[in-house]
Amino acid sequence: MSEAEKSGKRQSDQKQAQSTVSVKALPSSYRDKLRTKLAKNKKYPRQARRKHVEGHAMVHLVIKRNGHIVDWEFRQKTGHDILDRAVKRMIRSSDPFPAFPSEIDGQRLELTVPVVFRLE
C-alpha cells in the first residue's frame, strides 16, 4: 500500500471513529429498545430444547443512525450449529432497530452483545 493510500485509510478510520456513538453515551431507554428487539426475535430452536443444547454467543453489531444493521459478526460462537443459526435468524429479524433518538450524535453505533440459550 502506498503512503497516500495509508494516509487516506487513516483519515477514513478517524472520521469513522469520530462518527461512531459510544454505547455508554446511549440513553438507557434506547438501550432497552435494542435489548427488547433482540429478545423478541430470539427463538430457542425446538430441536435444541429437546436435546438440552445450551450455548452462549457474543455478537458484534454495527448499526446506522436509521437503525439498519450494516455489519455484524460472531465474536464467539455458541459451539452448536443449530444455536448459531438461531443467532443469525435473530439478527436478520431484528433489522432494522429503532432509529437513533435525536439527542444521539454520530452516524453509527458499534456494540457487542451476549446471546444466551439456557434451559431453565
PDB file of N, CA and C in Angstrom:
ATOM      1  N   MET A   1       0.852  -1.169   0.000  1.00  0.00           N
ATOM      2  CA  MET A   1       0.000   0.000   0.000  1.00  0.00           C
ATOM      3  C   MET A   1       0.897   1.231   0.000  1.00  0.00           C
ATOM      4  N   SER A   2       0.593   2.183  -0.831  1.00  0.00           N
ATOM      5  CA  SER A   2       1.396   3.402  -0.927  1.00  0.00           C
ATOM      6  C   SER A   2       1.144   4.290   0.289  1.00  0.00           C
ATOM      7  N   GLU A   3       2.023   5.257   0.497  1.00  0.00           N
ATOM      8  CA  GLU A   3       1.853   6.196   1.612  1.00  0.00           C
ATOM      9  C   GLU A   3       0.554   6.982   1.482  1.00  0.00           C
ATOM     10  N   ALA A   4       0.197   7.359   0.256  1.00  0.00           N
ATOM     11  CA  ALA A   4      -1.051   8.106   0.031  1.00  0.00           C
ATOM     12  C   ALA A   4      -2.251   7.250   0.409  1.00  0.00           C
ATOM     13  N   GLU A   5      -2.219   5.965   0.038  1.00  0.00           N
ATOM     14  CA  GLU A   5      -3.327   5.065   0.384  1.00  0.00           C
ATOM     15  C   GLU A   5      -3.409   4.877   1.895  1.00  0.00           C
ATOM     16  N   LYS A   6      -2.255   4.729   2.557  1.00  0.00           N
ATOM     17  CA  LYS A   6      -2.233   4.570   4.013  1.00  0.00           C
ATOM     18  C   LYS A   6      -2.802   5.810   4.693  1.00  0.00           C
ATOM     19  N   SER A   7      -2.412   6.977   4.193  1.00  0.00           N
ATOM     20  CA  SER A   7      -2.896   8.227   4.761  1.00  0.00           C
ATOM     21  C   SER A   7      -4.412   8.354   4.588  1.00  0.00           C
ATOM     22  N   GLY A   8      -4.897   8.010   3.399  1.00  0.00           N
ATOM     23  CA  GLY A   8      -6.336   8.054   3.135  1.00  0.00           C
ATOM     24  C   GLY A   8      -7.099   7.112   4.034  1.00  0.00           C
ATOM     25  N   LYS A   9      -6.559   5.909   4.248  1.00  0.00           N
ATOM     26  CA  LYS A   9      -7.213   4.931   5.121  1.00  0.00           C
ATOM     27  C   LYS A   9      -7.232   5.437   6.563  1.00  0.00           C
ATOM     28  N   ARG A  10      -6.116   6.025   7.024  1.00  0.00           N
ATOM     29  CA  ARG A  10      -6.077   6.564   8.388  1.00  0.00           C
ATOM     30  C   ARG A  10      -7.121   7.662   8.562  1.00  0.00           C
ATOM     31  N   GLN A  11      -7.241   8.555   7.585  1.00  0.00           N
ATOM     32  CA  GLN A  11      -8.228   9.625   7.667  1.00  0.00           C
ATOM     33  C   GLN A  11      -9.635   9.061   7.673  1.00  0.00           C
ATOM     34  N   SER A  12      -9.889   8.056   6.848  1.00  0.00           N
ATOM     35  CA  SER A  12     -11.206   7.421   6.801  1.00  0.00           C
ATOM     36  C   SER A  12     -11.519   6.757   8.139  1.00  0.00           C
ATOM     37  N   ASP A  13     -10.531   6.055   8.707  1.00  0.00           N
ATOM     38  CA  ASP A  13     -10.724   5.408  10.005  1.00  0.00           C
ATOM     39  C   ASP A  13     -10.996   6.428  11.095  1.00  0.00           C
ATOM     40  N   GLN A  14     -10.297   7.577  11.046  1.00  0.00           N
ATOM     41  CA  GLN A  14     -10.510   8.619  12.041  1.00  0.00           C
ATOM     42  C   GLN A  14     -11.905   9.216  11.936  1.00  0.00           C
ATOM     43  N   LYS A  15     -12.354   9.492  10.717  1.00  0.00           N
ATOM     44  CA  LYS A  15     -13.706  10.030  10.519  1.00  0.00           C
ATOM     45  C   LYS A  15     -14.747   9.043  11.028  1.00  0.00           C
ATOM     46  N   GLN A  16     -14.529   7.756  10.720  1.00  0.00           N
ATOM     47  CA  GLN A  16     -15.466   6.728  11.146  1.00  0.00           C
ATOM     48  C   GLN A  16     -15.512   6.668  12.667  1.00  0.00           C
ATOM     49  N   ALA A  17     -14.365   6.724  13.314  1.00  0.00           N
ATOM     50  CA  ALA A  17     -14.314   6.679  14.769  1.00  0.00           C
ATOM     51  C   ALA A  17     -15.021   7.885  15.374  1.00  0.00           C
ATOM     52  N   GLN A  18     -14.858   9.059  14.763  1.00  0.00           N
ATOM     53  CA  GLN A  18     -15.495  10.264  15.273  1.00  0.00           C
ATOM     54  C   GLN A  18     -17.009  10.198  15.139  1.00  0.00           C
ATOM     55  N   SER A  19     -17.516   9.513  14.140  1.00  0.00           N
ATOM     56  CA  SER A  19     -18.959   9.465  13.936  1.00  0.00           C
ATOM     57  C   SER A  19     -19.605   8.242  14.591  1.00  0.00           C
ATOM     58  N   THR A  20     -18.815   7.448  15.310  1.00  0.00           N
ATOM     59  CA  THR A  20     -19.343   6.269  15.986  1.00  0.00           C
ATOM     60  C   THR A  20     -19.777   6.642  17.392  1.00  0.00           C
ATOM     61  N   VAL A  21     -20.979   6.245  17.749  1.00  0.00           N
ATOM     62  CA  VAL A  21     -21.556   6.541  19.057  1.00  0.00           C
ATOM     63  C   VAL A  21     -21.039   5.538  20.079  1.00  0.00           C
ATOM     64  N   SER A  22     -20.672   6.018  21.239  1.00  0.00           N
ATOM     65  CA  SER A  22     -20.272   5.152  22.335  1.00  0.00           C
ATOM     66  C   SER A  22     -21.523   4.546  22.965  1.00  0.00           C
ATOM     67  N   VAL A  23     -21.448   3.275  23.295  1.00  0.00           N
ATOM     68  CA  VAL A  23     -22.590   2.611  23.941  1.00  0.00           C
ATOM     69  C   VAL A  23     -22.909   3.309  25.258  1.00  0.00           C
ATOM     70  N   LYS A  24     -21.881   3.764  25.954  1.00  0.00           N
ATOM     71  CA  LYS A  24     -22.091   4.456  27.232  1.00  0.00           C
ATOM     72  C   LYS A  24     -22.855   5.764  27.060  1.00  0.00           C
ATOM     73  N   ALA A  25     -22.786   6.337  25.859  1.00  0.00           N
ATOM     74  CA  ALA A  25     -23.473   7.611  25.598  1.00  0.00           C
ATOM     75  C   ALA A  25     -24.948   7.411  25.251  1.00  0.00           C
ATOM     76  N   LEU A  26     -25.375   6.176  25.083  1.00  0.00           N
ATOM     77  CA  LEU A  26     -26.769   5.917  24.710  1.00  0.00           C
ATOM     78  C   LEU A  26     -27.704   6.130  25.894  1.00  0.00           C
ATOM     79  N   PRO A  27     -28.829   6.756  25.668  1.00  0.00           N
ATOM     80  CA  PRO A  27     -29.836   6.833  26.732  1.00  0.00           C
ATOM     81  C   PRO A  27     -30.298   5.416  27.091  1.00  0.00           C
ATOM     82  N   SER A  28     -30.575   5.186  28.356  1.00  0.00           N
ATOM     83  CA  SER A  28     -30.988   3.843  28.794  1.00  0.00           C
ATOM     84  C   SER A  28     -32.265   3.404  28.073  1.00  0.00           C
ATOM     85  N   SER A  29     -33.133   4.341  27.728  1.00  0.00           N
ATOM     86  CA  SER A  29     -34.378   3.979  27.031  1.00  0.00           C
ATOM     87  C   SER A  29     -34.072   3.391  25.655  1.00  0.00           C
ATOM     88  N   TYR A  30     -33.040   3.912  24.977  1.00  0.00           N
ATOM     89  CA  TYR A  30     -32.679   3.375  23.662  1.00  0.00           C
ATOM     90  C   TYR A  30     -31.994   2.022  23.807  1.00  0.00           C
ATOM     91  N   ARG A  31     -31.126   1.872  24.816  1.00  0.00           N
ATOM     92  CA  ARG A  31     -30.505   0.561  25.072  1.00  0.00           C
ATOM     93  C   ARG A  31     -31.581  -0.482  25.344  1.00  0.00           C
ATOM     94  N   ASP A  32     -32.606  -0.090  26.102  1.00  0.00           N
ATOM     95  CA  ASP A  32     -33.704  -1.011  26.396  1.00  0.00           C
ATOM     96  C   ASP A  32     -34.447  -1.423  25.119  1.00  0.00           C
ATOM     97  N   LYS A  33     -34.626  -0.474  24.199  1.00  0.00           N
ATOM     98  CA  LYS A  33     -35.293  -0.788  22.925  1.00  0.00           C
ATOM     99  C   LYS A  33     -34.478  -1.800  22.122  1.00  0.00           C
ATOM    100  N   LEU A  34     -33.162  -1.633  22.110  1.00  0.00           N
ATOM    101  CA  LEU A  34     -32.303  -2.588  21.401  1.00  0.00           C
ATOM    102  C   LEU A  34     -32.413  -3.971  22.032  1.00  0.00           C
ATOM    103  N   ARG A  35     -32.314  -4.025  23.367  1.00  0.00           N
ATOM    104  CA  ARG A  35     -32.421  -5.301  24.083  1.00  0.00           C
ATOM    105  C   ARG A  35     -33.766  -5.978  23.825  1.00  0.00           C
ATOM    106  N   THR A  36     -34.826  -5.186  23.873  1.00  0.00           N
ATOM    107  CA  THR A  36     -36.175  -5.726  23.672  1.00  0.00           C
ATOM    108  C   THR A  36     -36.337  -6.294  22.268  1.00  0.00           C
ATOM    109  N   LYS A  37     -35.825  -5.582  21.278  1.00  0.00           N
ATOM    110  CA  LYS A  37     -35.946  -6.047  19.885  1.00  0.00           C
ATOM    111  C   LYS A  37     -35.200  -7.363  19.690  1.00  0.00           C
ATOM    112  N   LEU A  38     -33.997  -7.465  20.233  1.00  0.00           N
ATOM    113  CA  LEU A  38     -33.246  -8.712  20.121  1.00  0.00           C
ATOM    114  C   LEU A  38     -33.959  -9.850  20.848  1.00  0.00           C
ATOM    115  N   ALA A  39     -34.424  -9.590  22.055  1.00  0.00           N
ATOM    116  CA  ALA A  39     -35.101 -10.628  22.840  1.00  0.00           C
ATOM    117  C   ALA A  39     -36.365 -11.116  22.135  1.00  0.00           C
ATOM    118  N   LYS A  40     -37.099 -10.192  21.543  1.00  0.00           N
ATOM    119  CA  LYS A  40     -38.332 -10.553  20.830  1.00  0.00           C
ATOM    120  C   LYS A  40     -38.049 -11.487  19.652  1.00  0.00           C
ATOM    121  N   ASN A  41     -36.893 -11.307  19.031  1.00  0.00           N
ATOM    122  CA  ASN A  41     -36.564 -12.092  17.836  1.00  0.00           C
ATOM    123  C   ASN A  41     -35.688 -13.306  18.116  1.00  0.00           C
ATOM    124  N   LYS A  42     -35.341 -13.535  19.373  1.00  0.00           N
ATOM    125  CA  LYS A  42     -34.541 -14.711  19.723  1.00  0.00           C
ATOM    126  C   LYS A  42     -35.480 -15.901  19.918  1.00  0.00           C
ATOM    127  N   LYS A  43     -35.273 -16.917  19.129  1.00  0.00           N
ATOM    128  CA  LYS A  43     -36.098 -18.126  19.212  1.00  0.00           C
ATOM    129  C   LYS A  43     -35.207 -19.318  19.530  1.00  0.00           C
ATOM    130  N   TYR A  44     -35.491 -19.981  20.624  1.00  0.00           N
ATOM    131  CA  TYR A  44     -34.738 -21.175  21.008  1.00  0.00           C
ATOM    132  C   TYR A  44     -35.236 -22.325  20.141  1.00  0.00           C
ATOM    133  N   PRO A  45     -34.397 -22.889  19.293  1.00  0.00           N
ATOM    134  CA  PRO A  45     -34.875 -23.959  18.392  1.00  0.00           C
ATOM    135  C   PRO A  45     -35.443 -25.145  19.172  1.00  0.00           C
ATOM    136  N   ARG A  46     -36.581 -25.615  18.733  1.00  0.00           N
ATOM    137  CA  ARG A  46     -37.261 -26.725  19.394  1.00  0.00           C
ATOM    138  C   ARG A  46     -36.352 -27.950  19.509  1.00  0.00           C
ATOM    139  N   GLN A  47     -35.639 -28.261  18.422  1.00  0.00           N
ATOM    140  CA  GLN A  47     -34.761 -29.429  18.425  1.00  0.00           C
ATOM    141  C   GLN A  47     -33.642 -29.265  19.468  1.00  0.00           C
ATOM    142  N   ALA A  48     -33.136 -28.060  19.607  1.00  0.00           N
ATOM    143  CA  ALA A  48     -32.095 -27.807  20.609  1.00  0.00           C
ATOM    144  C   ALA A  48     -32.660 -27.979  22.020  1.00  0.00           C
ATOM    145  N   ARG A  49     -33.884 -27.531  22.230  1.00  0.00           N
ATOM    146  CA  ARG A  49     -34.524 -27.712  23.538  1.00  0.00           C
ATOM    147  C   ARG A  49     -34.685 -29.195  23.862  1.00  0.00           C
ATOM    148  N   ARG A  50     -35.185 -29.938  22.881  1.00  0.00           N
ATOM    149  CA  ARG A  50     -35.402 -31.374  23.105  1.00  0.00           C
ATOM    150  C   ARG A  50     -34.109 -32.101  23.455  1.00  0.00           C
ATOM    151  N   LYS A  51     -33.018 -31.668  22.837  1.00  0.00           N
ATOM    152  CA  LYS A  51     -31.721 -32.323  23.061  1.00  0.00           C
ATOM    153  C   LYS A  51     -30.936 -31.678  24.206  1.00  0.00           C
ATOM    154  N   HIS A  52     -31.565 -30.707  24.883  1.00  0.00           N
ATOM    155  CA  HIS A  52     -30.941 -29.999  26.011  1.00  0.00           C
ATOM    156  C   HIS A  52     -29.630 -29.327  25.612  1.00  0.00           C
ATOM    157  N   VAL A  53     -29.620 -28.703  24.422  1.00  0.00           N
ATOM    158  CA  VAL A  53     -28.449 -27.997  23.925  1.00  0.00           C
ATOM    159  C   VAL A  53     -28.503 -26.556  24.429  1.00  0.00           C
ATOM    160  N   GLU A  54     -27.428 -26.131  25.058  1.00  0.00           N
ATOM    161  CA  GLU A  54     -27.321 -24.765  25.548  1.00  0.00           C
ATOM    162  C   GLU A  54     -26.059 -24.126  24.967  1.00  0.00           C
ATOM    163  N   GLY A  55     -26.012 -22.793  24.940  1.00  0.00           N
ATOM    164  CA  GLY A  55     -24.833 -22.125  24.435  1.00  0.00           C
ATOM    165  C   GLY A  55     -24.874 -20.632  24.681  1.00  0.00           C
ATOM    166  N   HIS A  56     -23.721 -20.017  24.468  1.00  0.00           N
ATOM    167  CA  HIS A  56     -23.544 -18.581  24.697  1.00  0.00           C
ATOM    168  C   HIS A  56     -22.728 -18.035  23.538  1.00  0.00           C
ATOM    169  N   ALA A  57     -23.238 -16.997  22.894  1.00  0.00           N
ATOM    170  CA  ALA A  57     -22.521 -16.349  21.790  1.00  0.00           C
ATOM    171  C   ALA A  57     -22.282 -14.886  22.146  1.00  0.00           C
ATOM    172  N   MET A  58     -21.279 -14.309  21.501  1.00  0.00           N
ATOM    173  CA  MET A  58     -21.040 -12.872  21.564  1.00  0.00           C
ATOM    174  C   MET A  58     -21.114 -12.367  20.133  1.00  0.00           C
ATOM    175  N   VAL A  59     -21.962 -11.372  19.903  1.00  0.00           N
ATOM    176  CA  VAL A  59     -22.204 -10.854  18.555  1.00  0.00           C
ATOM    177  C   VAL A  59     -21.872  -9.366  18.526  1.00  0.00           C
ATOM    178  N   HIS A  60     -21.072  -8.974  17.551  1.00  0.00           N
ATOM    179  CA  HIS A  60     -20.708  -7.569  17.377  1.00  0.00           C
ATOM    180  C   HIS A  60     -21.574  -6.998  16.257  1.00  0.00           C
ATOM    181  N   LEU A  61     -22.281  -5.913  16.546  1.00  0.00           N
ATOM    182  CA  LEU A  61     -23.189  -5.281  15.590  1.00  0.00           C
ATOM    183  C   LEU A  61     -22.714  -3.874  15.246  1.00  0.00           C
ATOM    184  N   VAL A  62     -22.917  -3.486  14.000  1.00  0.00           N
ATOM    185  CA  VAL A  62     -22.696  -2.108  13.563  1.00  0.00           C
ATOM    186  C   VAL A  62     -24.036  -1.627  13.002  1.00  0.00           C
ATOM    187  N   ILE A  63     -24.574  -0.585  13.639  1.00  0.00           N
ATOM    188  CA  ILE A  63     -25.914  -0.092  13.314  1.00  0.00           C
ATOM    189  C   ILE A  63     -25.812   1.349  12.831  1.00  0.00           C
ATOM    190  N   LYS A  64     -26.461   1.635  11.699  1.00  0.00           N
ATOM    191  CA  LYS A  64     -26.507   3.015  11.186  1.00  0.00           C
ATOM    192  C   LYS A  64     -27.543   3.820  11.963  1.00  0.00           C
ATOM    193  N   ARG A  65     -27.449   5.114  11.829  1.00  0.00           N
ATOM    194  CA  ARG A  65     -28.351   6.051  12.510  1.00  0.00           C
ATOM    195  C   ARG A  65     -29.825   5.723  12.262  1.00  0.00           C
ATOM    196  N   ASN A  66     -30.146   5.236  11.056  1.00  0.00           N
ATOM    197  CA  ASN A  66     -31.536   4.911  10.733  1.00  0.00           C
ATOM    198  C   ASN A  66     -31.989   3.578  11.329  1.00  0.00           C
ATOM    199  N   GLY A  67     -31.090   2.886  12.050  1.00  0.00           N
ATOM    200  CA  GLY A  67     -31.443   1.637  12.715  1.00  0.00           C
ATOM    201  C   GLY A  67     -31.069   0.382  11.945  1.00  0.00           C
ATOM    202  N   HIS A  68     -30.664   0.529  10.704  1.00  0.00           N
ATOM    203  CA  HIS A  68     -30.308  -0.653   9.905  1.00  0.00           C
ATOM    204  C   HIS A  68     -28.936  -1.194  10.293  1.00  0.00           C
ATOM    205  N   ILE A  69     -28.840  -2.506  10.325  1.00  0.00           N
ATOM    206  CA  ILE A  69     -27.575  -3.176  10.604  1.00  0.00           C
ATOM    207  C   ILE A  69     -26.746  -3.140   9.331  1.00  0.00           C
ATOM    208  N   VAL A  70     -25.541  -2.573   9.415  1.00  0.00           N
ATOM    209  CA  VAL A  70     -24.672  -2.513   8.239  1.00  0.00           C
ATOM    210  C   VAL A  70     -23.646  -3.630   8.261  1.00  0.00           C
ATOM    211  N   ASP A  71     -23.384  -4.189   9.450  1.00  0.00           N
ATOM    212  CA  ASP A  71     -22.427  -5.277   9.548  1.00  0.00           C
ATOM    213  C   ASP A  71     -22.626  -5.961  10.891  1.00  0.00           C
ATOM    214  N   TRP A  72     -22.263  -7.222  10.918  1.00  0.00           N
ATOM    215  CA  TRP A  72     -22.259  -7.929  12.188  1.00  0.00           C
ATOM    216  C   TRP A  72     -21.346  -9.141  12.038  1.00  0.00           C
ATOM    217  N   GLU A  73     -20.886  -9.632  13.181  1.00  0.00           N
ATOM    218  CA  GLU A  73     -20.042 -10.819  13.175  1.00  0.00           C
ATOM    219  C   GLU A  73     -20.114 -11.501  14.532  1.00  0.00           C
ATOM    220  N   PHE A  74     -19.832 -12.788  14.516  1.00  0.00           N
ATOM    221  CA  PHE A  74     -19.670 -13.509  15.768  1.00  0.00           C
ATOM    222  C   PHE A  74     -18.317 -13.133  16.351  1.00  0.00           C
ATOM    223  N   ARG A  75     -18.295 -12.765  17.608  1.00  0.00           N
ATOM    224  CA  ARG A  75     -17.025 -12.632  18.318  1.00  0.00           C
ATOM    225  C   ARG A  75     -16.739 -13.960  19.027  1.00  0.00           C
ATOM    226  N   GLN A  76     -17.839 -14.666  19.318  1.00  0.00           N
ATOM    227  CA  GLN A  76     -17.740 -16.002  19.906  1.00  0.00           C
ATOM    228  C   GLN A  76     -18.995 -16.751  19.500  1.00  0.00           C
ATOM    229  N   LYS A  77     -18.829 -17.949  18.964  1.00  0.00           N
ATOM    230  CA  LYS A  77     -19.984 -18.774  18.593  1.00  0.00           C
ATOM    231  C   LYS A  77     -20.421 -19.602  19.794  1.00  0.00           C
ATOM    232  N   THR A  78     -21.606 -20.188  19.675  1.00  0.00           N
ATOM    233  CA  THR A  78     -22.166 -20.982  20.771  1.00  0.00           C
ATOM    234  C   THR A  78     -21.509 -22.352  20.908  1.00  0.00           C
ATOM    235  N   GLY A  79     -20.914 -22.829  19.823  1.00  0.00           N
ATOM    236  CA  GLY A  79     -20.364 -24.184  19.828  1.00  0.00           C
ATOM    237  C   GLY A  79     -21.346 -25.201  19.281  1.00  0.00           C
ATOM    238  N   HIS A  80     -22.525 -24.718  18.857  1.00  0.00           N
ATOM    239  CA  HIS A  80     -23.561 -25.603  18.304  1.00  0.00           C
ATOM    240  C   HIS A  80     -24.144 -24.949  17.062  1.00  0.00           C
ATOM    241  N   ASP A  81     -24.045 -25.624  15.928  1.00  0.00           N
ATOM    242  CA  ASP A  81     -24.541 -25.058  14.666  1.00  0.00           C
ATOM    243  C   ASP A  81     -26.000 -24.628  14.761  1.00  0.00           C
ATOM    244  N   ILE A  82     -26.822 -25.435  15.412  1.00  0.00           N
ATOM    245  CA  ILE A  82     -28.251 -25.122  15.487  1.00  0.00           C
ATOM    246  C   ILE A  82     -28.489 -23.802  16.222  1.00  0.00           C
ATOM    247  N   LEU A  83     -27.716 -23.539  17.274  1.00  0.00           N
ATOM    248  CA  LEU A  83     -27.874 -22.279  18.008  1.00  0.00           C
ATOM    249  C   LEU A  83     -27.260 -21.116  17.242  1.00  0.00           C
ATOM    250  N   ASP A  84     -26.143 -21.357  16.555  1.00  0.00           N
ATOM    251  CA  ASP A  84     -25.538 -20.290  15.745  1.00  0.00           C
ATOM    252  C   ASP A  84     -26.485 -19.858  14.629  1.00  0.00           C
ATOM    253  N   ARG A  85     -27.201 -20.805  14.036  1.00  0.00           N
ATOM    254  CA  ARG A  85     -28.187 -20.448  13.007  1.00  0.00           C
ATOM    255  C   ARG A  85     -29.325 -19.633  13.628  1.00  0.00           C
ATOM    256  N   ALA A  86     -29.700 -19.958  14.849  1.00  0.00           N
ATOM    257  CA  ALA A  86     -30.750 -19.196  15.542  1.00  0.00           C
ATOM    258  C   ALA A  86     -30.294 -17.760  15.805  1.00  0.00           C
ATOM    259  N   VAL A  87     -29.018 -17.583  16.119  1.00  0.00           N
ATOM    260  CA  VAL A  87     -28.478 -16.236  16.318  1.00  0.00           C
ATOM    261  C   VAL A  87     -28.564 -15.461  15.008  1.00  0.00           C
ATOM    262  N   LYS A  88     -28.174 -16.084  13.905  1.00  0.00           N
ATOM    263  CA  LYS A  88     -28.244 -15.420  12.593  1.00  0.00           C
ATOM    264  C   LYS A  88     -29.673 -14.996  12.271  1.00  0.00           C
ATOM    265  N   ARG A  89     -30.641 -15.885  12.543  1.00  0.00           N
ATOM    266  CA  ARG A  89     -32.047 -15.536  12.294  1.00  0.00           C
ATOM    267  C   ARG A  89     -32.483 -14.369  13.181  1.00  0.00           C
ATOM    268  N   MET A  90     -32.017 -14.367  14.430  1.00  0.00           N
ATOM    269  CA  MET A  90     -32.368 -13.290  15.349  1.00  0.00           C
ATOM    270  C   MET A  90     -31.855 -11.946  14.819  1.00  0.00           C
ATOM    271  N   ILE A  91     -30.620 -11.930  14.325  1.00  0.00           N
ATOM    272  CA  ILE A  91     -30.042 -10.690  13.801  1.00  0.00           C
ATOM    273  C   ILE A  91     -30.833 -10.219  12.585  1.00  0.00           C
ATOM    274  N   ARG A  92     -31.089 -11.134  11.645  1.00  0.00           N
ATOM    275  CA  ARG A  92     -31.855 -10.750  10.441  1.00  0.00           C
ATOM    276  C   ARG A  92     -33.234 -10.233  10.808  1.00  0.00           C
ATOM    277  N   SER A  93     -33.892 -10.879  11.751  1.00  0.00           N
ATOM    278  CA  SER A  93     -35.249 -10.476  12.139  1.00  0.00           C
ATOM    279  C   SER A  93     -35.276  -9.157  12.906  1.00  0.00           C
ATOM    280  N   SER A  94     -34.165  -8.800  13.521  1.00  0.00           N
ATOM    281  CA  SER A  94     -34.103  -7.566  14.314  1.00  0.00           C
ATOM    282  C   SER A  94     -33.795  -6.337  13.472  1.00  0.00           C
ATOM    283  N   ASP A  95     -33.431  -6.535  12.215  1.00  0.00           N
ATOM    284  CA  ASP A  95     -33.088  -5.429  11.320  1.00  0.00           C
ATOM    285  C   ASP A  95     -34.339  -4.934  10.617  1.00  0.00           C
ATOM    286  N   PRO A  96     -34.694  -3.653  10.759  1.00  0.00           N
ATOM    287  CA  PRO A  96     -33.949  -2.596  11.426  1.00  0.00           C
ATOM    288  C   PRO A  96     -34.330  -2.469  12.895  1.00  0.00           C
ATOM    289  N   PHE A  97     -33.396  -1.903  13.656  1.00  0.00           N
ATOM    290  CA  PHE A  97     -33.664  -1.483  15.017  1.00  0.00           C
ATOM    291  C   PHE A  97     -34.331  -0.112  14.940  1.00  0.00           C
ATOM    292  N   PRO A  98     -34.833   0.392  16.063  1.00  0.00           N
ATOM    293  CA  PRO A  98     -35.350   1.763  16.036  1.00  0.00           C
ATOM    294  C   PRO A  98     -34.234   2.739  15.641  1.00  0.00           C
ATOM    295  N   ALA A  99     -34.584   3.783  14.917  1.00  0.00           N
ATOM    296  CA  ALA A  99     -33.623   4.819  14.550  1.00  0.00           C
ATOM    297  C   ALA A  99     -33.101   5.490  15.817  1.00  0.00           C
ATOM    298  N   PHE A 100     -31.907   6.065  15.734  1.00  0.00           N
ATOM    299  CA  PHE A 100     -31.327   6.755  16.885  1.00  0.00           C
ATOM    300  C   PHE A 100     -32.229   7.917  17.290  1.00  0.00           C
ATOM    301  N   PRO A 101     -32.410   8.142  18.568  1.00  0.00           N
ATOM    302  CA  PRO A 101     -33.134   9.330  19.003  1.00  0.00           C
ATOM    303  C   PRO A 101     -32.339  10.596  18.645  1.00  0.00           C
ATOM    304  N   SER A 102     -33.014  11.705  18.537  1.00  0.00           N
ATOM    305  CA  SER A 102     -32.372  12.956  18.088  1.00  0.00           C
ATOM    306  C   SER A 102     -31.244  13.411  19.012  1.00  0.00           C
ATOM    307  N   GLU A 103     -31.294  13.043  20.289  1.00  0.00           N
ATOM    308  CA  GLU A 103     -30.244  13.507  21.205  1.00  0.00           C
ATOM    309  C   GLU A 103     -28.926  12.739  21.050  1.00  0.00           C
ATOM    310  N   ILE A 104     -28.913  11.708  20.215  1.00  0.00           N
ATOM    311  CA  ILE A 104     -27.677  10.947  19.979  1.00  0.00           C
ATOM    312  C   ILE A 104     -26.955  11.535  18.770  1.00  0.00           C
ATOM    313  N   ASP A 105     -25.713  11.952  18.996  1.00  0.00           N
ATOM    314  CA  ASP A 105     -24.865  12.403  17.900  1.00  0.00           C
ATOM    315  C   ASP A 105     -24.170  11.183  17.309  1.00  0.00           C
ATOM    316  N   GLY A 106     -23.713  11.320  16.096  1.00  0.00           N
ATOM    317  CA  GLY A 106     -22.993  10.215  15.475  1.00  0.00           C
ATOM    318  C   GLY A 106     -23.849   9.516  14.445  1.00  0.00           C
ATOM    319  N   GLN A 107     -23.168   8.823  13.554  1.00  0.00           N
ATOM    320  CA  GLN A 107     -23.846   8.182  12.430  1.00  0.00           C
ATOM    321  C   GLN A 107     -23.973   6.677  12.563  1.00  0.00           C
ATOM    322  N   ARG A 108     -23.222   6.085  13.501  1.00  0.00           N
ATOM    323  CA  ARG A 108     -23.293   4.637  13.654  1.00  0.00           C
ATOM    324  C   ARG A 108     -22.976   4.247  15.082  1.00  0.00           C
ATOM    325  N   LEU A 109     -23.411   3.059  15.402  1.00  0.00           N
ATOM    326  CA  LEU A 109     -23.218   2.512  16.739  1.00  0.00           C
ATOM    327  C   LEU A 109     -22.594   1.140  16.584  1.00  0.00           C
ATOM    328  N   GLU A 110     -21.547   0.873  17.350  1.00  0.00           N
ATOM    329  CA  GLU A 110     -20.949  -0.449  17.385  1.00  0.00           C
ATOM    330  C   GLU A 110     -21.114  -0.987  18.789  1.00  0.00           C
ATOM    331  N   LEU A 111     -21.626  -2.204  18.898  1.00  0.00           N
ATOM    332  CA  LEU A 111     -21.777  -2.806  20.211  1.00  0.00           C
ATOM    333  C   LEU A 111     -21.649  -4.316  20.114  1.00  0.00           C
ATOM    334  N   THR A 112     -21.218  -4.905  21.190  1.00  0.00           N
ATOM    335  CA  THR A 112     -21.106  -6.354  21.285  1.00  0.00           C
ATOM    336  C   THR A 112     -22.099  -6.806  22.336  1.00  0.00           C
ATOM    337  N   VAL A 113     -22.923  -7.768  21.959  1.00  0.00           N
ATOM    338  CA  VAL A 113     -23.978  -8.226  22.860  1.00  0.00           C
ATOM    339  C   VAL A 113     -23.884  -9.737  23.080  1.00  0.00           C
ATOM    340  N   PRO A 114     -24.203 -10.174  24.290  1.00  0.00           N
ATOM    341  CA  PRO A 114     -24.257 -11.609  24.549  1.00  0.00           C
ATOM    342  C   PRO A 114     -25.607 -12.168  24.098  1.00  0.00           C
ATOM    343  N   VAL A 115     -25.586 -13.387  23.606  1.00  0.00           N
ATOM    344  CA  VAL A 115     -26.820 -14.098  23.269  1.00  0.00           C
ATOM    345  C   VAL A 115     -26.728 -15.447  23.978  1.00  0.00           C
ATOM    346  N   VAL A 116     -27.636 -15.661  24.916  1.00  0.00           N
ATOM    347  CA  VAL A 116     -27.560 -16.858  25.761  1.00  0.00           C
ATOM    348  C   VAL A 116     -28.761 -17.747  25.501  1.00  0.00           C
ATOM    349  N   PHE A 117     -28.472 -19.023  25.270  1.00  0.00           N
ATOM    350  CA  PHE A 117     -29.509 -20.042  25.161  1.00  0.00           C
ATOM    351  C   PHE A 117     -29.313 -20.969  26.358  1.00  0.00           C
ATOM    352  N   ARG A 118     -30.212 -20.850  27.338  1.00  0.00           N
ATOM    353  CA  ARG A 118     -30.103 -21.648  28.548  1.00  0.00           C
ATOM    354  C   ARG A 118     -31.485 -22.198  28.901  1.00  0.00           C
ATOM    355  N   LEU A 119     -31.533 -23.468  29.160  1.00  0.00           N
ATOM    356  CA  LEU A 119     -32.789 -24.098  29.576  1.00  0.00           C
ATOM    357  C   LEU A 119     -32.972 -23.879  31.073  1.00  0.00           C
ATOM    358  N   GLU A 120     -34.154 -23.464  31.435  1.00  0.00           N
ATOM    359  CA  GLU A 120     -34.437 -23.189  32.863  1.00  0.00           C
ATOM    360  C   GLU A 120     -35.166 -24.361  33.471  1.00  0.00           C
TER     361      GLU A 120
END
